[in-house]
Amino acid sequence: MNTFKRLNEPDPRFAVDAFDTPALSAQEHAVLEAIRATPYGSVEVVLHQSRIVQVVKTEKVKLESDPLHR
């Protein structure tokens, strides 16, 4: 039996309707902002006792090759 879930499938345990949407905490907002502000890279979320205590953002910068230095 496959226990892995595809990322694009909704998880019914977390389903909420428009009138029952829980408010996001400041820590959750920080995670979303780090994701949105990182076009290439990674975002690591550090938890202690199920609480977000640190957000580490690693951004990759793509450099164009300089045609004059070939």
N, C-alpha and C. Protein backbone atom coordinates (compact mmCIF):
# COMPACT_ATOMS: atom_id res chain seq x y z
N MET A 1 0.84 -1.18 0.00
CA MET A 1 0.00 0.00 0.00
C MET A 1 0.88 1.24 0.00
N ASN A 2 0.56 2.19 -0.86
CA ASN A 2 1.34 3.42 -0.97
C ASN A 2 0.91 4.39 0.12
N THR A 3 1.85 4.78 0.99
CA THR A 3 1.52 5.71 2.08
C THR A 3 1.89 7.14 1.75
N PHE A 4 2.49 7.37 0.57
CA PHE A 4 2.87 8.72 0.19
C PHE A 4 1.71 9.43 -0.49
N LYS A 5 1.59 10.71 -0.22
CA LYS A 5 0.51 11.51 -0.77
C LYS A 5 1.07 12.50 -1.77
N ARG A 6 0.39 12.65 -2.88
CA ARG A 6 0.81 13.63 -3.87
C ARG A 6 0.58 15.03 -3.31
N LEU A 7 1.48 15.96 -3.63
CA LEU A 7 1.40 17.30 -3.07
C LEU A 7 0.18 18.07 -3.55
N ASN A 8 -0.32 17.78 -4.73
CA ASN A 8 -1.44 18.56 -5.24
C ASN A 8 -2.80 18.01 -4.83
N GLU A 9 -2.83 16.91 -4.09
CA GLU A 9 -4.10 16.37 -3.61
C GLU A 9 -4.43 17.00 -2.26
N PRO A 10 -5.64 17.50 -2.09
CA PRO A 10 -6.00 18.09 -0.79
C PRO A 10 -6.08 17.03 0.30
N ASP A 11 -5.66 17.38 1.48
CA ASP A 11 -5.72 16.48 2.62
C ASP A 11 -6.99 16.80 3.39
N PRO A 12 -7.93 15.87 3.48
CA PRO A 12 -9.20 16.17 4.16
C PRO A 12 -9.06 16.52 5.63
N ARG A 13 -7.95 16.15 6.25
CA ARG A 13 -7.75 16.51 7.67
C ARG A 13 -7.59 18.01 7.85
N PHE A 14 -7.14 18.70 6.78
CA PHE A 14 -6.87 20.13 6.88
C PHE A 14 -7.87 20.96 6.08
N ALA A 15 -8.93 20.35 5.65
CA ALA A 15 -9.93 21.06 4.84
C ALA A 15 -10.71 22.03 5.73
N VAL A 16 -10.80 23.26 5.29
CA VAL A 16 -11.61 24.26 5.98
C VAL A 16 -12.37 25.04 4.92
N ASP A 17 -13.54 25.50 5.25
CA ASP A 17 -14.28 26.30 4.28
C ASP A 17 -13.96 27.77 4.48
N ALA A 18 -14.51 28.61 3.64
CA ALA A 18 -14.18 30.03 3.67
C ALA A 18 -14.60 30.71 4.96
N PHE A 19 -15.54 30.15 5.67
CA PHE A 19 -16.03 30.78 6.90
C PHE A 19 -15.35 30.23 8.14
N ASP A 20 -14.53 29.20 7.98
CA ASP A 20 -13.89 28.57 9.13
C ASP A 20 -12.36 28.55 8.96
N THR A 21 -11.83 29.53 8.24
CA THR A 21 -10.40 29.57 7.99
C THR A 21 -9.68 30.14 9.22
N PRO A 22 -8.76 29.36 9.79
CA PRO A 22 -8.04 29.89 10.96
C PRO A 22 -7.08 30.99 10.55
N ALA A 23 -6.89 31.95 11.42
CA ALA A 23 -5.95 33.05 11.15
C ALA A 23 -4.53 32.52 11.24
N LEU A 24 -3.65 33.04 10.40
CA LEU A 24 -2.25 32.63 10.44
C LEU A 24 -1.51 33.41 11.52
N SER A 25 -0.57 32.73 12.17
CA SER A 25 0.24 33.38 13.20
C SER A 25 1.33 34.20 12.52
N ALA A 26 2.01 35.02 13.29
CA ALA A 26 3.12 35.82 12.75
C ALA A 26 4.23 34.92 12.23
N GLN A 27 4.46 33.79 12.89
CA GLN A 27 5.48 32.85 12.45
C GLN A 27 5.09 32.21 11.12
N GLU A 28 3.82 31.88 10.95
CA GLU A 28 3.35 31.30 9.70
C GLU A 28 3.46 32.31 8.56
N HIS A 29 3.16 33.56 8.86
CA HIS A 29 3.32 34.62 7.86
C HIS A 29 4.79 34.76 7.45
N ALA A 30 5.70 34.63 8.42
CA ALA A 30 7.13 34.74 8.12
C ALA A 30 7.56 33.62 7.17
N VAL A 31 7.03 32.42 7.35
CA VAL A 31 7.36 31.31 6.46
C VAL A 31 6.84 31.60 5.05
N LEU A 32 5.59 32.04 4.94
CA LEU A 32 5.02 32.34 3.63
C LEU A 32 5.78 33.46 2.93
N GLU A 33 6.15 34.49 3.66
CA GLU A 33 6.91 35.59 3.07
C GLU A 33 8.27 35.13 2.58
N ALA A 34 8.93 34.25 3.34
CA ALA A 34 10.23 33.73 2.91
C ALA A 34 10.08 32.92 1.63
N ILE A 35 9.02 32.15 1.52
CA ILE A 35 8.77 31.36 0.31
C ILE A 35 8.50 32.28 -0.87
N ARG A 36 7.66 33.26 -0.67
CA ARG A 36 7.30 34.17 -1.76
C ARG A 36 8.49 35.03 -2.22
N ALA A 37 9.40 35.31 -1.31
CA ALA A 37 10.53 36.19 -1.64
C ALA A 37 11.74 35.42 -2.18
N THR A 38 11.61 34.11 -2.37
CA THR A 38 12.73 33.30 -2.82
C THR A 38 12.41 32.68 -4.16
N PRO A 39 12.85 33.31 -5.27
CA PRO A 39 12.55 32.75 -6.59
C PRO A 39 13.28 31.44 -6.86
N TYR A 40 14.52 31.31 -6.37
CA TYR A 40 15.30 30.08 -6.50
C TYR A 40 16.01 29.86 -5.18
N GLY A 41 15.88 28.69 -4.60
CA GLY A 41 16.55 28.40 -3.34
C GLY A 41 15.73 27.49 -2.48
N SER A 42 15.88 27.65 -1.17
CA SER A 42 15.15 26.80 -0.24
C SER A 42 14.77 27.57 1.01
N VAL A 43 13.73 27.10 1.66
CA VAL A 43 13.28 27.67 2.93
C VAL A 43 13.21 26.53 3.92
N GLU A 44 13.91 26.67 5.02
CA GLU A 44 13.93 25.65 6.07
C GLU A 44 13.20 26.21 7.29
N VAL A 45 12.30 25.42 7.84
CA VAL A 45 11.54 25.84 9.01
C VAL A 45 12.01 24.98 10.19
N VAL A 46 12.47 25.63 11.26
CA VAL A 46 12.95 24.93 12.44
C VAL A 46 11.85 24.98 13.50
N LEU A 47 11.51 23.81 14.02
CA LEU A 47 10.44 23.69 15.02
C LEU A 47 10.99 23.23 16.36
N HIS A 48 10.40 23.72 17.43
CA HIS A 48 10.65 23.23 18.78
C HIS A 48 9.29 23.03 19.42
N GLN A 49 8.98 21.82 19.78
CA GLN A 49 7.69 21.46 20.38
C GLN A 49 6.54 21.96 19.51
N SER A 50 6.63 21.68 18.22
CA SER A 50 5.61 22.02 17.21
C SER A 50 5.42 23.52 17.01
N ARG A 51 6.35 24.32 17.45
CA ARG A 51 6.27 25.77 17.24
C ARG A 51 7.41 26.23 16.35
N ILE A 52 7.10 27.13 15.44
CA ILE A 52 8.12 27.67 14.54
C ILE A 52 9.01 28.61 15.34
N VAL A 53 10.31 28.30 15.36
CA VAL A 53 11.24 29.15 16.09
C VAL A 53 12.27 29.79 15.18
N GLN A 54 12.40 29.29 13.95
CA GLN A 54 13.41 29.85 13.06
C GLN A 54 13.02 29.55 11.61
N VAL A 55 13.27 30.51 10.74
CA VAL A 55 13.08 30.33 9.31
C VAL A 55 14.42 30.65 8.65
N VAL A 56 14.96 29.67 7.93
CA VAL A 56 16.25 29.85 7.26
C VAL A 56 15.99 29.86 5.76
N LYS A 57 16.38 30.95 5.11
CA LYS A 57 16.17 31.09 3.68
C LYS A 57 17.52 31.08 2.98
N THR A 58 17.67 30.17 2.02
CA THR A 58 18.87 30.10 1.20
C THR A 58 18.45 30.43 -0.21
N GLU A 59 19.00 31.51 -0.76
CA GLU A 59 18.61 31.96 -2.09
C GLU A 59 19.73 31.71 -3.07
N LYS A 60 19.37 31.16 -4.22
CA LYS A 60 20.33 30.96 -5.29
C LYS A 60 20.23 32.13 -6.25
N VAL A 61 21.37 32.65 -6.66
CA VAL A 61 21.41 33.76 -7.60
C VAL A 61 22.01 33.24 -8.89
N LYS A 62 21.24 33.33 -9.98
CA LYS A 62 21.73 32.88 -11.27
C LYS A 62 22.46 34.02 -11.94
N LEU A 63 23.70 33.78 -12.32
CA LEU A 63 24.54 34.79 -12.95
C LEU A 63 24.63 34.50 -14.44
N GLU A 64 24.51 35.52 -15.21
CA GLU A 64 24.68 35.40 -16.66
C GLU A 64 26.16 35.39 -16.98
N SER A 65 26.56 34.59 -17.94
CA SER A 65 27.97 34.58 -18.34
C SER A 65 28.29 35.87 -19.09
N ASP A 66 29.45 36.41 -18.85
CA ASP A 66 29.89 37.66 -19.49
C ASP A 66 30.48 37.33 -20.86
N PRO A 67 29.87 37.77 -21.95
CA PRO A 67 30.37 37.41 -23.28
C PRO A 67 31.76 37.97 -23.57
N LEU A 68 32.20 39.01 -22.85
CA LEU A 68 33.52 39.60 -23.09
C LEU A 68 34.65 38.76 -22.50
N HIS A 69 34.34 37.88 -21.55
CA HIS A 69 35.38 37.09 -20.86
C HIS A 69 35.37 35.63 -21.30
N ARG A 70 35.03 35.36 -22.51
CA ARG A 70 35.02 33.96 -22.98
C ARG A 70 36.35 33.57 -23.52
